Protein backbone atom coordinates (compact mmCIF):
# COMPACT_ATOMS: atom_id res chain seq x y z
CA MET A 1 -70.76 62.33 -19.48
CA ALA A 2 -69.98 59.22 -20.31
CA ASN A 3 -73.14 56.72 -21.16
CA TRP A 4 -71.68 54.10 -18.44
CA SER A 5 -74.59 53.11 -17.35
CA ASP A 6 -76.79 53.20 -20.66
CA PRO A 7 -77.27 49.33 -21.76
CA ARG A 8 -77.95 50.44 -25.42
CA SER A 9 -74.08 51.85 -25.43
CA THR A 10 -72.31 50.87 -28.23
CA ALA A 11 -69.06 50.86 -26.64
CA ALA A 12 -68.03 47.54 -26.14
CA PRO A 13 -66.67 46.28 -29.64
CA PHE A 14 -68.30 42.99 -30.45
CA GLY A 15 -71.83 42.01 -30.05
CA VAL A 16 -71.06 39.39 -27.19
CA ALA A 17 -69.32 41.76 -25.26
CA ARG A 18 -72.37 44.06 -25.35
CA GLY A 19 -75.14 41.28 -24.56
CA ALA A 20 -72.89 40.06 -21.50
CA GLN A 21 -72.49 44.18 -20.87
CA GLY A 22 -76.70 44.12 -20.87
CA ALA A 23 -77.06 41.13 -18.94
CA ALA A 24 -74.71 42.40 -16.07
CA TYR A 25 -77.28 45.73 -16.23
CA ASP A 26 -80.62 43.67 -16.03
CA GLN A 27 -78.92 41.39 -13.46
CA GLY A 28 -78.31 44.79 -11.80
CA LEU A 29 -81.20 46.61 -12.49
CA ARG A 30 -83.04 43.40 -10.46
CA SER A 31 -80.76 43.29 -7.57
CA TYR A 32 -81.43 46.94 -7.16
CA MET A 33 -85.27 47.32 -7.35
CA LEU A 34 -85.38 43.99 -5.25
CA ARG A 35 -83.52 46.00 -2.56
CA VAL A 36 -86.31 49.01 -2.93
CA TYR A 37 -88.98 46.97 -2.52
CA ASN A 38 -87.59 44.62 0.05
CA MET A 39 -87.22 47.52 1.93
CA MET A 40 -90.49 49.39 1.45
CA ALA A 41 -92.55 45.81 2.12
CA SER A 42 -90.57 45.45 5.12
CA GLY A 43 -91.18 48.80 6.38
CA VAL A 44 -95.04 48.83 5.74
CA LEU A 45 -95.01 45.56 7.78
CA LEU A 46 -93.22 46.75 10.72
CA THR A 47 -95.60 49.89 10.65
CA GLY A 48 -98.58 47.03 10.85
CA ILE A 49 -97.03 44.86 13.23
CA VAL A 50 -96.65 47.74 15.93
CA ALA A 51 -99.83 49.70 15.06
CA LEU A 52 -101.55 46.09 16.02
CA ALA A 53 -99.40 45.44 18.78
CA PHE A 54 -100.07 49.22 20.49
CA ALA A 55 -103.69 49.17 20.17
CA ALA A 56 -103.70 45.59 21.65
CA SER A 57 -100.87 46.56 24.66
CA GLY A 58 -103.56 49.28 26.28
CA TYR A 59 -100.91 51.55 26.62
CA MET A 60 -103.19 53.65 23.79
CA SER A 61 -103.82 56.21 26.35
CA LEU A 62 -100.56 57.48 26.56
CA LEU A 63 -100.94 59.08 23.17
CA PHE A 64 -104.78 59.10 22.59
CA THR A 65 -107.35 59.34 24.81
CA ASP A 66 -111.08 60.25 23.75
CA ARG A 67 -110.48 63.94 24.10
CA GLY A 68 -107.96 63.60 21.57
CA ALA A 69 -104.10 63.12 20.87
CA SER A 70 -101.98 63.43 24.56
CA PRO A 71 -98.84 65.46 24.23
CA LEU A 72 -96.88 62.60 23.46
CA GLY A 73 -99.52 61.60 20.93
CA TRP A 74 -98.82 64.94 19.49
CA ILE A 75 -94.97 64.45 19.16
CA VAL A 76 -95.42 60.53 17.38
CA MET A 77 -97.98 62.26 14.91
CA LEU A 78 -95.59 65.04 14.10
CA ALA A 79 -92.21 63.56 14.12
CA PRO A 80 -92.70 61.66 10.75
CA ILE A 81 -93.02 65.17 9.01
CA GLY A 82 -89.94 66.21 10.60
CA ILE A 83 -88.10 62.95 9.66
CA VAL A 84 -89.12 62.40 6.30
CA PHE A 85 -88.32 66.56 5.74
CA ALA A 86 -85.52 65.85 7.26
CA MET A 87 -84.70 62.78 4.76
CA SER A 88 -85.44 64.60 1.81
CA PHE A 89 -83.56 67.89 2.04
CA GLY A 90 -80.64 66.20 3.77
CA GLN A 91 -80.05 63.15 1.77
CA MET A 92 -77.18 64.37 -0.28
CA ARG A 93 -75.28 65.12 3.46
CA MET A 94 -76.11 61.90 5.06
CA GLN A 95 -74.93 58.73 5.45
CA THR A 96 -76.46 55.89 4.06
CA SER A 97 -76.84 53.94 7.42
CA THR A 98 -78.46 57.39 8.79
CA LEU A 99 -80.94 57.24 6.31
CA ASN A 100 -81.91 53.63 6.90
CA LEU A 101 -81.71 54.76 11.04
CA LEU A 102 -84.66 57.53 9.86
CA PHE A 103 -86.20 55.33 7.67
CA TRP A 104 -86.89 52.66 10.34
CA SER A 105 -87.90 54.93 12.91
CA TYR A 106 -90.00 56.57 10.38
CA ALA A 107 -92.37 53.00 10.03
CA VAL A 108 -92.18 52.68 13.83
CA LEU A 109 -93.68 56.06 14.76
CA MET A 110 -95.83 55.65 11.65
CA GLY A 111 -97.30 52.71 13.11
CA LEU A 112 -97.78 54.17 16.53
CA SER A 113 -100.08 57.12 15.06
CA LEU A 114 -101.90 54.46 12.89
CA SER A 115 -102.77 52.53 15.91
CA THR A 116 -105.97 54.32 16.17
CA LEU A 117 -107.34 53.42 13.06
CA PHE A 118 -108.43 49.99 15.30
CA ARG A 119 -110.39 52.09 17.46
CA VAL A 120 -112.01 53.21 14.57
CA TYR A 121 -112.83 50.94 12.29
CA THR A 122 -113.14 47.41 12.38
CA GLY A 123 -110.49 44.47 11.51
CA ALA A 124 -112.29 42.85 8.77
CA SER A 125 -112.22 46.73 6.98
CA ILE A 126 -108.38 47.11 7.86
CA ALA A 127 -107.66 43.74 6.84
CA GLY A 128 -109.91 43.98 3.48
CA ALA A 129 -108.02 47.66 2.63
CA PHE A 130 -104.97 46.16 3.52
CA PHE A 131 -105.39 43.58 0.88
CA ALA A 132 -107.33 45.31 -1.57
CA THR A 133 -104.00 48.27 -1.66
CA SER A 134 -101.65 45.41 -1.96
CA ALA A 135 -103.40 44.14 -5.12
CA GLY A 136 -103.56 47.49 -6.29
CA PHE A 137 -99.94 48.56 -5.71
CA ALA A 138 -98.39 45.74 -7.15
CA GLY A 139 -100.66 45.73 -10.12
CA LEU A 140 -99.69 49.72 -10.71
CA SER A 141 -96.17 49.25 -9.64
CA LEU A 142 -95.58 46.26 -11.98
CA TYR A 143 -97.23 48.89 -15.13
CA GLY A 144 -94.97 51.60 -13.81
CA TYR A 145 -91.88 49.35 -14.12
CA THR A 146 -92.58 47.66 -17.30
CA THR A 147 -94.30 50.62 -19.62
CA LYS A 148 -92.93 52.09 -22.63
CA ARG A 149 -94.60 55.25 -21.76
CA ASP A 150 -92.60 58.14 -20.34
CA LEU A 151 -94.77 59.02 -17.42
CA SER A 152 -92.83 61.71 -16.51
CA PRO A 153 -95.29 64.94 -17.46
CA LEU A 154 -97.15 63.18 -15.07
CA GLY A 155 -95.28 63.95 -12.29
CA THR A 156 -96.30 67.88 -11.60
CA PHE A 157 -99.79 66.80 -12.10
CA LEU A 158 -99.92 64.61 -9.56
CA ILE A 159 -97.53 66.49 -7.22
CA ILE A 160 -100.25 69.40 -7.50
CA GLY A 161 -102.79 67.29 -6.89
CA VAL A 162 -101.49 66.38 -3.68
CA VAL A 163 -101.27 69.88 -2.67
CA GLY A 164 -104.56 70.42 -3.84
CA LEU A 165 -106.13 67.53 -1.72
CA LEU A 166 -104.22 68.75 1.56
CA VAL A 167 -106.22 71.69 1.04
CA ALA A 168 -109.80 70.15 0.31
CA MET A 169 -108.58 68.00 3.40
CA LEU A 170 -108.13 71.21 5.24
CA ILE A 171 -111.83 73.01 4.23
CA SER A 172 -113.41 69.17 4.72
CA MET A 173 -113.07 69.50 8.71
CA TRP A 174 -115.70 72.14 7.95
CA VAL A 175 -117.42 70.39 5.00
CA PRO A 176 -117.51 67.27 5.63
CA ALA A 177 -119.60 65.81 2.75
CA LEU A 178 -116.43 66.41 0.64
CA ASN A 179 -114.93 63.26 2.63
CA PRO A 180 -115.82 61.08 0.21
CA VAL A 181 -114.66 62.92 -2.90
CA ILE A 182 -111.53 63.53 -1.13
CA SER A 183 -111.05 59.83 -0.77
CA ILE A 184 -111.75 59.00 -4.19
CA VAL A 185 -109.63 61.66 -5.22
CA GLY A 186 -106.76 60.29 -2.78
CA VAL A 187 -106.81 57.16 -4.02
CA LEU A 188 -106.43 58.12 -7.65
CA LEU A 189 -103.68 60.49 -7.14
CA PHE A 190 -101.54 57.79 -4.77
CA ALA A 191 -102.27 55.32 -7.75
CA GLY A 192 -101.08 57.39 -10.12
CA LEU A 193 -98.30 58.15 -7.71
CA THR A 194 -97.04 54.08 -7.48
CA ALA A 195 -97.12 53.71 -11.48
CA TYR A 196 -94.56 57.35 -11.33
CA ASP A 197 -92.79 56.55 -8.41
CA THR A 198 -91.77 53.43 -9.83
CA GLN A 199 -90.47 53.80 -13.04
CA ARG A 200 -88.44 57.19 -11.82
CA THR A 201 -87.07 54.29 -9.55
CA LYS A 202 -86.10 52.38 -12.25
CA SER A 203 -84.89 55.12 -14.14
CA LEU A 204 -82.95 56.51 -11.12
CA TYR A 205 -80.75 53.23 -11.88
CA TYR A 206 -79.18 54.60 -14.74
CA GLN A 207 -77.53 57.29 -12.92
CA VAL A 208 -76.52 55.56 -9.47
CA ALA A 209 -75.68 52.34 -10.37
CA GLY A 210 -72.37 51.16 -9.30
CA THR A 211 -71.68 54.72 -7.24
CA ASN A 212 -71.58 55.49 -3.58
CA GLN A 213 -75.15 57.11 -4.02
CA GLU A 214 -77.07 54.13 -4.75
CA GLY A 215 -77.61 53.15 -1.38
CA ARG A 216 -79.26 56.17 -0.68
CA VAL A 217 -81.44 56.50 -3.74
CA VAL A 218 -82.52 52.61 -2.60
CA VAL A 219 -83.70 54.00 0.69
CA MET A 220 -85.34 56.91 -0.69
CA SER A 221 -87.10 55.48 -3.55
CA ALA A 222 -88.27 52.91 -0.63
CA LEU A 223 -89.65 55.71 1.33
CA GLN A 224 -91.39 57.09 -1.73
CA LEU A 225 -92.72 54.07 -2.28
CA TYR A 226 -94.09 53.32 1.10
CA LEU A 227 -95.88 56.71 1.56
CA ASP A 228 -97.36 55.82 -1.62
CA PHE A 229 -98.91 52.25 -0.11
CA ILE A 230 -99.76 53.88 3.16
CA ASN A 231 -101.63 57.26 1.97
CA MET A 232 -103.89 54.95 -0.51
CA PHE A 233 -104.55 52.57 2.07
CA LEU A 234 -105.67 55.33 4.32
CA PHE A 235 -108.07 56.77 1.82
CA ILE A 236 -109.06 53.41 0.65
CA LEU A 237 -110.12 52.67 4.40
CA ARG A 238 -111.93 55.95 4.62
CA LEU A 239 -114.18 54.92 1.66
CA PHE A 240 -115.15 51.73 2.29
CA GLY A 241 -113.74 50.87 6.14
CA SER A 242 -116.59 49.97 8.43
CA ASN A 243 -116.55 52.01 11.73
CA ARG A 244 -116.73 50.18 15.08
CA ASN A 245 -119.49 52.24 16.41
């Protein structure tokens, strides 16, 4: 395949042209990454606004009661899983506009689902966990973007770790003593995934720059980084959050 997207290409006959090509590539990469981060951050902001507004609305009993989730609440909690699977397996068949709609729908549904946090944790705990996550995410993402080390070998290990984490969370329903360990491991896994997914997002630009796939990759990369942020936030909150009771 032609090496059209590699900034190190020697296709240009003169250094000036090659430099111009590299400058255009750098500008395109920055624009591409900015689109990813803007979409991811906007999704997190939308989720937070929906969660806060719904928690203060007085309508939470429609979804969640003292006995647990209502039938509508179960739909709200399970629908995001279906959306992620639909986007992951159907991304090549979907229009970019459809993926965008699903992404924003996912952010809203997650906001409704996470509104229960305001019933469990204090507002100060939630705010503290959010700002700690934001700082950690920014640092880890910057590392993933700038490091020369290839993080791709970590991908399989991290994914296996997430699967193991899910199993451990199920076991913790009967062994609550595992919860602190699970929270620590969860923070570490999604911290690693943040750096890994950032580098992967950057590397995908080589493959999709200037093609009709770029829009799809922007949405899916934003979704992946959004998931890293939300999960890291939830585990930090579980680890350090103060309960209302």
